[in-house]
Amino acid sequence: MSSVTPRAVPFYCPFCGEQELRPGDPSGWRCEVCERLFELQLVAIGGEA
């Protein structure tokens, strides 16, 4: 049985701050306003790096 991790959903574009985001390639997001692609990455949970 394989576990599927849900995709983290951003609230705004880290470049322009707009909220018009769409899923881009399989691991990223695309801003419809500034047309940039970006990915989210979990660095740590609970303050430990």
C-alpha atoms as a PDB file:
ATOM      1  CA  MET A   1       0.000   0.000   0.000  1.00  0.00           C
ATOM      2  CA  SER A   2       1.457   3.394  -0.981  1.00  0.00           C
ATOM      3  CA  SER A   3       0.935   6.509   1.090  1.00  0.00           C
ATOM      4  CA  VAL A   4       0.043   9.703  -0.728  1.00  0.00           C
ATOM      5  CA  THR A   5       1.120  12.949   0.882  1.00  0.00           C
ATOM      6  CA  PRO A   6      -1.288  15.769   0.102  1.00  0.00           C
ATOM      7  CA  ARG A   7       0.174  18.763  -1.685  1.00  0.00           C
ATOM      8  CA  ALA A   8       0.736  21.832   0.493  1.00  0.00           C
ATOM      9  CA  VAL A   9      -1.415  24.709  -0.738  1.00  0.00           C
ATOM     10  CA  PRO A  10       0.090  28.224  -0.725  1.00  0.00           C
ATOM     11  CA  PHE A  11      -2.131  31.197   0.122  1.00  0.00           C
ATOM     12  CA  TYR A  12      -0.234  33.738  -2.004  1.00  0.00           C
ATOM     13  CA  CYS A  13       2.606  34.055  -4.517  1.00  0.00           C
ATOM     14  CA  PRO A  14       5.986  34.555  -2.780  1.00  0.00           C
ATOM     15  CA  PHE A  15       7.092  36.911  -5.582  1.00  0.00           C
ATOM     16  CA  CYS A  16       4.156  39.299  -6.144  1.00  0.00           C
ATOM     17  CA  GLY A  17       1.766  38.499  -3.263  1.00  0.00           C
ATOM     18  CA  GLU A  18      -1.268  37.774  -5.450  1.00  0.00           C
ATOM     19  CA  GLN A  19      -3.633  34.892  -4.735  1.00  0.00           C
ATOM     20  CA  GLU A  20      -4.285  33.707  -8.309  1.00  0.00           C
ATOM     21  CA  LEU A  21      -2.413  30.403  -8.033  1.00  0.00           C
ATOM     22  CA  ARG A  22      -2.846  27.207 -10.048  1.00  0.00           C
ATOM     23  CA  PRO A  23      -1.060  23.860  -9.833  1.00  0.00           C
ATOM     24  CA  GLY A  24       1.883  23.951 -12.250  1.00  0.00           C
ATOM     25  CA  ASP A  25       4.071  20.956 -12.966  1.00  0.00           C
ATOM     26  CA  PRO A  26       3.660  17.891 -10.708  1.00  0.00           C
ATOM     27  CA  SER A  27       5.593  19.448  -7.823  1.00  0.00           C
ATOM     28  CA  GLY A  28       4.990  23.164  -8.240  1.00  0.00           C
ATOM     29  CA  TRP A  29       2.600  26.099  -8.435  1.00  0.00           C
ATOM     30  CA  ARG A  30       2.098  28.800 -11.075  1.00  0.00           C
ATOM     31  CA  CYS A  31       1.091  32.398 -10.379  1.00  0.00           C
ATOM     32  CA  GLU A  32      -1.418  33.600 -12.984  1.00  0.00           C
ATOM     33  CA  VAL A  33      -0.473  37.267 -12.360  1.00  0.00           C
ATOM     34  CA  CYS A  34       3.350  37.325 -12.585  1.00  0.00           C
ATOM     35  CA  GLU A  35       3.525  33.957 -14.438  1.00  0.00           C
ATOM     36  CA  ARG A  36       6.280  32.565 -12.199  1.00  0.00           C
ATOM     37  CA  LEU A  37       6.618  28.946 -11.133  1.00  0.00           C
ATOM     38  CA  PHE A  38       7.602  27.962  -7.602  1.00  0.00           C
ATOM     39  CA  GLU A  39       7.699  24.940  -5.290  1.00  0.00           C
ATOM     40  CA  LEU A  40       6.953  24.581  -1.579  1.00  0.00           C
ATOM     41  CA  GLN A  41       9.328  22.701   0.691  1.00  0.00           C
ATOM     42  CA  LEU A  42       8.840  21.670   4.323  1.00  0.00           C
ATOM     43  CA  VAL A  43      12.041  22.487   6.196  1.00  0.00           C
ATOM     44  CA  ALA A  44      11.136  21.597   9.813  1.00  0.00           C
ATOM     45  CA  ILE A  45       8.261  21.045  12.202  1.00  0.00           C
ATOM     46  CA  GLY A  46       8.219  22.381  15.741  1.00  0.00           C
ATOM     47  CA  GLY A  47      11.304  24.560  15.530  1.00  0.00           C
ATOM     48  CA  GLU A  48      13.874  21.789  15.006  1.00  0.00           C
ATOM     49  CA  ALA A  49      15.951  21.987  11.851  1.00  0.00           C
END
